[in-house]
Amino acid sequence: MTGNRAACISMVVMLFVVALLFAAPAAAFTPPPLPGDEEEIAPPPPPVFGEEDKEVKKPGKEESKPAKADKPEPKPQPKPELKPKPQTKPKETPKEPSYTVDQLFRMGMNAYKGENNTTQSYADALKWWGRAGEKGHGVALYNLGIMHKNGEGTKKDYGRARDYFLKSAGKKYANAFEQLGHLYYDGLLGKPDYQEAYRWYEQAAGQKKAFSQFRLGLMHYKALGRPKDALKAYYWFDEAAKNGFVDAMVNLGVLYEKGDGAIFSREKAIYWYQQAADKGSTLGMAYLGEVYYQGRGVPADVNKGIALLEQAAAKNQPYAQKALYKIDNIRYIKYRNVK
């Protein structure tokens, strides 16, 4: 009985201590202040005065003379006091005005583009965006990354570009996520790293970046850095197409026509080829031209099919040029060497 009582008391004490721990208010987090723009001006040096006044000696008493006295000698006049030299004030460095982070960003944009009465200067763009980036401006950090990636105003440096993109990504800027994906996908930092590329593209895709969604679809379909998965490829192509990416529309048409990752449907395939062609995709025009020329899912229409292929070929679409050469190697002999 006594043991049970002691156990109960111990349990109550423990519950009381836990309650105190959870009830204790958490200390508020205070972020560090951002650096300012102003440069400190050194205080002026102490003033410099002229020489001290020199003592004026008083004339001593002279000896008495014989009865016939000479004319009294004039008393010596005191020397004029020396005035102190005028103080020269040190020249002050003119103080640069304090700019807001948005003003710094805009000044960088004006310098980069040469707009708003500003001379085009990559060096100035780097300077102003660098100042804005120090204050945490995500887009300025991204722009610095682009300039180092392209070698604008500085030597091309993919490592520094990555560092700026990482800082911008820390501000949740979607374009920075996508650029990091490009660096790893294209192997600009060494060998292609599809795992890392996928990680960054996925974050950009979550912010509706259509190209990143398209790339994720390709990586699933081509088994880049992960096993082939046509269903996931279809999902990402569909997301990119909804966001207006025309190459994804073409790929959706292909998946529907193959029944690969999507339920076989020539009707939907034609719909997506048409959507892509209407938005200027030459590959969409070429695929649609073949559909009509061959009568795949629609009544054959040779004239319409060739017209679409010729339209795409005139815009230097290799697939359309090769298709036309296969149809008539005499009429379209100019496309015989197209690869």
Foldseek 3Di string as FASTA:
>chain_A
DVVVVVVVVVVVVVVVVVVVVVVDDDDDDDDDDADWDWDDWDDWDDWDKADAWDDDDADDDDDDDPPDDDDDDDGDDDDDTDHIDDTDTDDTDDIDDTDDLVVLQVQLVCCCVVPDVRDNDNLSNLVSLVVSVSRQDLVSLQVNLVCLCVVPNHGNDNVSSLVSLVSSVVVVDLVSLQVQLCCQCVQVVHHRDNVSSLVSLVSSVVVLPLVSLQVNLVCQCVVPVHHRDNLSSLVSLVSSVVSPDLVSLQVNLVCLCVVGNHHNDNVSSLVSLVVSVVVPDLVSLLVNLVCQCVVPVHPRDNVSSLVSLVVSVVVVDLSSLVVVCVVPVVVSVVNVPRD
